[in-house]
Amino acid sequence: MKKYAGYRILLVHAHPDDETINNGATMALYADRGADVTLITCTRGEEGEILVPGLSHLASTHEDQLGAHREIELKAAMKALGVSDHRFLAHYRDSGMMGMPQNERPDVFWQVDVDIAAALLVKVIEEVKPHILITYDEIGGYGHPDHIQAHRVAMRASELSQWEIQKIYWNTMPKSVIAAGMEAMKELGSDFFGSDNVDDIPFAKDDSFVTTLIDGNDYVEQKMLAMKAHETQIAVDGPFFALSNNLGLQVWGHEYYTLVKGEKSAPFDEQGRESDLTAGVVL
């Protein structure tokens, strides 16, 4: 029997590609070792910036077909990670960046009543019966309206569901890791997403927020394949892959979390961080 057989993990993300960047190695590790991994994506990412010039016609300002293309990208990424249960929450549309006119469209995720969207997620929770839930923090990591809404919906659904989720984690990225990435980028004569100061990076959190570190280095190859599958959103010659080249693939094998429900449980690493999401979970 595989190590994690019987454990069930639910992830709630805003757009296709968010799951791979934040949790790709974690998903591949637990799926490969027997856990049931379910991904819920709240929008199809229709307002994403297209990094492939030959696909620019798909943009919302042109043919508005990016969402359908990103569905295909997500399917390929999940195949790379070994995750077969991936679903969209509903037909909610990408809300665009905060303060943009797209935020006001009645069909965007940002405009949906939280309890209505949460009720849809409750149905998934009561079907899948996850032991563990993974989503964003209260600011959605960096303030994107769909990330904030995904957090609200996931947390509200966990409250409304009759099924008791034992552990809830929020994605986090410690400042120490971002700072190391910035130094590596400076050596290339480049900055990190337009910034050279870690305090200016909205998703960089103090290291004290990290309760849990998953070492997915054995699954970095799968994560990199999944990242490449999201071709319209992640450039092979962009900062993500530049980090891989300069810090080594370990930068993507380590994934960080803040435990917000449940008890920290052994095994711990040398810094006192959990090293297994399922630790302390009762089957």
Protein backbone atom coordinates (compact mmCIF):
# COMPACT_ATOMS: atom_id res chain seq x y z
CA MET A 1 0.00 0.00 0.00
CA LYS A 2 1.23 3.48 -0.85
CA LYS A 3 2.16 5.75 2.05
CA TYR A 4 -0.72 8.23 1.67
CA ALA A 5 -3.47 5.88 0.55
CA GLY A 6 -6.76 6.94 2.13
CA TYR A 7 -5.82 10.60 2.62
CA ARG A 8 -7.80 13.20 0.69
CA ILE A 9 -6.57 16.69 -0.19
CA LEU A 10 -8.63 19.51 -1.73
CA LEU A 11 -7.04 22.59 -3.30
CA VAL A 12 -8.99 25.73 -4.21
CA HIS A 13 -7.34 28.07 -6.72
CA ALA A 14 -8.39 31.13 -8.67
CA HIS A 15 -7.02 30.54 -12.19
CA PRO A 16 -5.30 27.79 -14.19
CA ASP A 17 -1.53 27.91 -13.42
CA ASP A 18 -1.95 29.12 -9.80
CA GLU A 19 -2.06 25.51 -8.64
CA THR A 20 1.21 24.58 -10.35
CA ILE A 21 3.19 27.61 -9.20
CA ASN A 22 2.05 27.28 -5.59
CA ASN A 23 1.52 23.56 -5.07
CA GLY A 24 2.76 21.61 -8.10
CA ALA A 25 5.38 19.56 -6.28
CA THR A 26 3.04 18.95 -3.34
CA MET A 27 0.25 17.74 -5.60
CA ALA A 28 2.56 15.44 -7.56
CA LEU A 29 4.11 14.01 -4.39
CA TYR A 30 0.88 13.19 -2.61
CA ALA A 31 -0.89 11.93 -5.73
CA ASP A 32 2.02 9.64 -6.60
CA ARG A 33 2.13 8.26 -3.07
CA GLY A 34 -1.53 7.32 -2.96
CA ALA A 35 -3.52 10.33 -1.73
CA ASP A 36 -6.67 11.45 -3.51
CA VAL A 37 -5.99 14.98 -4.74
CA THR A 38 -8.82 17.20 -5.98
CA LEU A 39 -8.30 20.59 -7.58
CA ILE A 40 -11.05 23.21 -7.83
CA THR A 41 -10.33 26.15 -10.12
CA CYS A 42 -12.68 29.10 -9.70
CA THR A 43 -12.24 30.81 -13.10
CA ARG A 44 -10.74 30.02 -16.50
CA GLY A 45 -8.37 32.96 -16.44
CA GLU A 46 -9.94 34.83 -19.35
CA GLU A 47 -8.20 38.10 -18.47
CA GLY A 48 -4.67 36.70 -18.23
CA GLU A 49 -1.79 38.35 -20.04
CA ILE A 50 -0.72 36.20 -23.00
CA LEU A 51 3.04 35.64 -23.20
CA VAL A 52 2.99 33.75 -26.52
CA PRO A 53 2.77 36.26 -29.40
CA GLY A 54 1.27 33.68 -31.74
CA LEU A 55 -1.68 33.27 -29.37
CA SER A 56 -2.35 36.97 -28.75
CA HIS A 57 -5.57 36.73 -30.74
CA LEU A 58 -7.09 34.74 -27.86
CA ALA A 59 -6.99 37.76 -25.54
CA SER A 60 -10.16 39.17 -24.00
CA THR A 61 -9.60 42.34 -26.03
CA HIS A 62 -9.65 40.34 -29.27
CA GLU A 63 -11.41 36.98 -29.75
CA ASP A 64 -11.90 36.40 -26.00
CA GLN A 65 -11.02 32.71 -26.28
CA LEU A 66 -8.22 32.55 -23.72
CA GLY A 67 -10.39 30.76 -21.14
CA ALA A 68 -10.99 27.79 -23.43
CA HIS A 69 -7.27 27.59 -24.23
CA ARG A 70 -6.33 27.70 -20.55
CA GLU A 71 -8.66 24.78 -19.90
CA ILE A 72 -6.48 22.78 -22.27
CA GLU A 73 -3.33 24.02 -20.54
CA LEU A 74 -4.72 23.03 -17.15
CA LYS A 75 -5.61 19.54 -18.36
CA ALA A 76 -2.04 19.06 -19.63
CA ALA A 77 -0.57 20.39 -16.39
CA MET A 78 -2.68 18.03 -14.28
CA LYS A 79 -1.59 15.10 -16.42
CA ALA A 80 2.03 16.07 -15.74
CA LEU A 81 1.32 16.19 -12.00
CA GLY A 82 -0.64 12.94 -11.94
CA VAL A 83 -3.86 14.56 -10.76
CA SER A 84 -7.01 13.22 -12.40
CA ASP A 85 -9.71 14.99 -10.36
CA HIS A 86 -9.70 18.63 -11.46
CA ARG A 87 -12.89 20.65 -11.79
CA PHE A 88 -14.10 24.21 -12.29
CA LEU A 89 -16.27 25.60 -9.52
CA ALA A 90 -18.77 27.04 -12.01
CA HIS A 91 -18.72 29.32 -15.07
CA TYR A 92 -17.42 32.32 -13.19
CA ARG A 93 -15.28 34.65 -15.27
CA ASP A 94 -11.82 35.98 -14.43
CA SER A 95 -12.21 39.36 -12.72
CA GLY A 96 -8.96 40.92 -13.91
CA MET A 97 -6.61 42.87 -11.68
CA MET A 98 -7.96 44.96 -8.81
CA GLY A 99 -9.51 48.25 -9.86
CA MET A 100 -9.93 47.34 -13.51
CA PRO A 101 -13.26 47.78 -15.35
CA GLN A 102 -13.58 43.99 -15.67
CA ASN A 103 -14.18 43.86 -11.90
CA GLU A 104 -17.62 45.34 -12.47
CA ARG A 105 -18.89 42.73 -14.93
CA PRO A 106 -21.81 40.82 -13.38
CA ASP A 107 -20.40 37.44 -14.47
CA VAL A 108 -16.97 37.73 -12.83
CA PHE A 109 -15.97 35.76 -9.76
CA TRP A 110 -15.33 38.94 -7.75
CA GLN A 111 -19.03 39.86 -8.02
CA VAL A 112 -20.52 36.54 -6.95
CA ASP A 113 -22.15 36.27 -3.54
CA VAL A 114 -19.70 34.40 -1.33
CA ASP A 115 -22.36 32.15 0.17
CA ILE A 116 -23.66 31.17 -3.28
CA ALA A 117 -20.20 30.18 -4.49
CA ALA A 118 -19.43 28.52 -1.15
CA ALA A 119 -22.56 26.39 -1.48
CA LEU A 120 -21.16 24.99 -4.75
CA LEU A 121 -17.89 24.16 -3.02
CA VAL A 122 -19.73 22.58 -0.09
CA LYS A 123 -21.16 20.04 -2.53
CA VAL A 124 -17.62 19.12 -3.57
CA ILE A 125 -16.43 18.93 0.03
CA GLU A 126 -19.28 16.65 1.06
CA GLU A 127 -18.64 14.43 -1.97
CA VAL A 128 -14.84 14.27 -1.69
CA LYS A 129 -14.63 14.49 2.12
CA PRO A 130 -11.14 16.00 2.23
CA HIS A 131 -9.00 15.73 5.31
CA ILE A 132 -6.91 18.70 4.17
CA LEU A 133 -7.80 21.97 2.42
CA ILE A 134 -5.24 24.23 0.73
CA THR A 135 -6.03 27.77 -0.48
CA TYR A 136 -4.77 31.37 -0.24
CA ASP A 137 -4.49 33.71 2.71
CA GLU A 138 -6.92 36.54 3.36
CA ILE A 139 -5.26 38.87 0.83
CA GLY A 140 -5.08 36.15 -1.79
CA GLY A 141 -1.30 36.19 -1.64
CA TYR A 142 -0.91 39.44 -3.54
CA GLY A 143 -4.29 41.14 -3.69
CA HIS A 144 -5.81 39.78 -6.90
CA PRO A 145 -9.61 39.92 -6.49
CA ASP A 146 -10.08 36.32 -7.65
CA HIS A 147 -7.50 35.07 -5.16
CA ILE A 148 -9.17 36.97 -2.34
CA GLN A 149 -12.54 35.61 -3.41
CA ALA A 150 -11.18 32.05 -3.64
CA HIS A 151 -9.95 32.41 -0.06
CA ARG A 152 -13.32 33.70 1.12
CA VAL A 153 -15.25 30.99 -0.68
CA ALA A 154 -12.98 28.18 0.49
CA MET A 155 -13.04 29.29 4.11
CA ARG A 156 -16.80 29.89 4.10
CA ALA A 157 -17.42 26.48 2.54
CA SER A 158 -15.31 24.85 5.23
CA GLU A 159 -17.59 26.49 7.82
CA LEU A 160 -20.84 25.55 6.08
CA SER A 161 -20.01 21.97 5.25
CA GLN A 162 -21.24 19.11 7.40
CA TRP A 163 -17.91 17.42 6.70
CA GLU A 164 -15.21 18.50 9.15
CA ILE A 165 -11.90 19.30 7.43
CA GLN A 166 -9.15 18.45 9.89
CA LYS A 167 -6.37 20.71 8.60
CA ILE A 168 -6.47 23.90 6.54
CA TYR A 169 -3.38 25.44 4.99
CA TRP A 170 -2.75 28.76 3.28
CA ASN A 171 -0.02 29.07 0.67
CA THR A 172 2.88 31.29 1.70
CA MET A 173 6.25 32.34 0.33
CA PRO A 174 8.90 33.31 2.91
CA LYS A 175 10.91 36.48 2.47
CA SER A 176 14.18 34.59 2.82
CA VAL A 177 13.43 32.57 -0.32
CA ILE A 178 12.34 35.64 -2.29
CA ALA A 179 15.44 37.54 -1.15
CA ALA A 180 17.68 34.72 -2.36
CA GLY A 181 15.88 34.80 -5.68
CA MET A 182 16.39 38.54 -5.97
CA GLU A 183 20.11 38.20 -5.37
CA ALA A 184 20.31 35.52 -8.05
CA MET A 185 18.45 37.73 -10.50
CA LYS A 186 20.71 40.70 -9.75
CA GLU A 187 23.68 38.57 -10.76
CA LEU A 188 22.01 38.31 -14.17
CA GLY A 189 21.55 42.06 -14.31
CA SER A 190 17.80 41.64 -13.88
CA ASP A 191 15.23 42.41 -11.25
CA PHE A 192 12.49 40.22 -9.78
CA PHE A 193 9.07 41.05 -11.24
CA GLY A 194 10.10 44.70 -11.49
CA SER A 195 11.46 45.00 -7.95
CA ASP A 196 14.81 44.73 -6.21
CA ASN A 197 13.50 45.05 -2.63
CA VAL A 198 11.88 42.05 -0.93
CA ASP A 199 9.66 44.36 1.14
CA ASP A 200 8.03 45.53 -2.09
CA ILE A 201 6.90 42.02 -3.02
CA PRO A 202 3.27 41.67 -1.84
CA PHE A 203 3.32 37.87 -1.60
CA ALA A 204 6.57 37.71 0.40
CA LYS A 205 5.76 36.89 4.03
CA ASP A 206 7.91 36.92 7.11
CA ASP A 207 9.48 33.51 7.63
CA SER A 208 7.63 33.19 10.94
CA PHE A 209 4.42 32.54 8.97
CA VAL A 210 5.81 29.27 7.64
CA THR A 211 4.53 26.38 9.74
CA THR A 212 5.03 23.70 7.13
CA LEU A 213 7.56 22.93 4.40
CA ILE A 214 6.93 20.18 1.89
CA ASP A 215 10.09 18.87 0.25
CA GLY A 216 8.94 17.89 -3.22
CA ASN A 217 12.35 17.80 -4.84
CA ASP A 218 11.68 14.30 -6.18
CA TYR A 219 8.79 15.81 -8.17
CA VAL A 220 10.37 18.97 -9.58
CA GLU A 221 10.52 17.50 -13.07
CA GLN A 222 6.75 16.98 -13.04
CA LYS A 223 6.22 20.53 -11.71
CA MET A 224 8.41 22.02 -14.44
CA LEU A 225 6.49 20.11 -17.10
CA ALA A 226 3.24 21.41 -15.63
CA MET A 227 4.57 24.97 -15.63
CA LYS A 228 5.53 24.63 -19.29
CA ALA A 229 2.03 23.37 -20.03
CA HIS A 230 0.72 26.78 -18.95
CA GLU A 231 2.45 28.29 -21.97
CA THR A 232 0.35 31.44 -22.26
CA GLN A 233 1.09 32.43 -18.65
CA ILE A 234 4.60 31.26 -17.76
CA ALA A 235 7.44 32.17 -20.12
CA VAL A 236 10.25 29.63 -20.39
CA ASP A 237 12.71 32.56 -20.58
CA GLY A 238 10.95 34.53 -17.83
CA PRO A 239 11.77 35.06 -14.14
CA PHE A 240 10.36 31.74 -12.92
CA PHE A 241 12.70 29.68 -15.07
CA ALA A 242 15.54 32.12 -14.50
CA LEU A 243 15.21 31.34 -10.80
CA SER A 244 15.50 27.64 -11.60
CA ASN A 245 18.68 28.25 -13.55
CA ASN A 246 20.30 30.34 -10.83
CA LEU A 247 19.07 28.82 -7.59
CA GLY A 248 18.71 25.27 -8.80
CA LEU A 249 15.50 23.30 -9.17
CA GLN A 250 15.17 23.09 -5.38
CA VAL A 251 13.59 26.56 -5.49
CA TRP A 252 10.52 24.83 -6.99
CA GLY A 253 10.72 21.60 -4.99
CA HIS A 254 10.19 23.37 -1.67
CA GLU A 255 6.61 24.56 -1.09
CA TYR A 256 5.62 26.54 1.99
CA TYR A 257 2.40 26.70 3.99
CA THR A 258 0.77 28.32 7.00
CA LEU A 259 -1.40 25.96 9.06
CA VAL A 260 -4.55 27.84 10.11
CA LYS A 261 -6.69 24.96 11.32
CA GLY A 262 -5.48 21.82 13.07
CA GLU A 263 -2.40 21.10 15.13
CA LYS A 264 1.20 21.14 13.98
CA SER A 265 2.36 17.56 14.15
CA ALA A 266 5.62 15.63 13.84
CA PRO A 267 7.70 14.96 11.87
CA PHE A 268 9.35 18.37 12.08
CA ASP A 269 12.43 19.67 10.30
CA GLU A 270 15.40 21.31 12.02
CA GLN A 271 13.54 24.65 12.08
CA GLY A 272 10.47 23.16 13.74
CA ARG A 273 8.33 23.15 10.61
CA GLU A 274 5.97 20.32 9.73
CA SER A 275 7.19 18.18 6.85
CA ASP A 276 3.97 16.29 6.08
CA LEU A 277 0.51 17.75 5.47
CA THR A 278 -1.14 14.55 6.69
CA ALA A 279 0.67 14.54 10.04
CA GLY A 280 -1.87 14.22 12.83
CA VAL A 281 -4.77 13.51 10.48
CA VAL A 282 -7.08 10.72 11.65
CA LEU A 283 -8.38 8.45 8.89
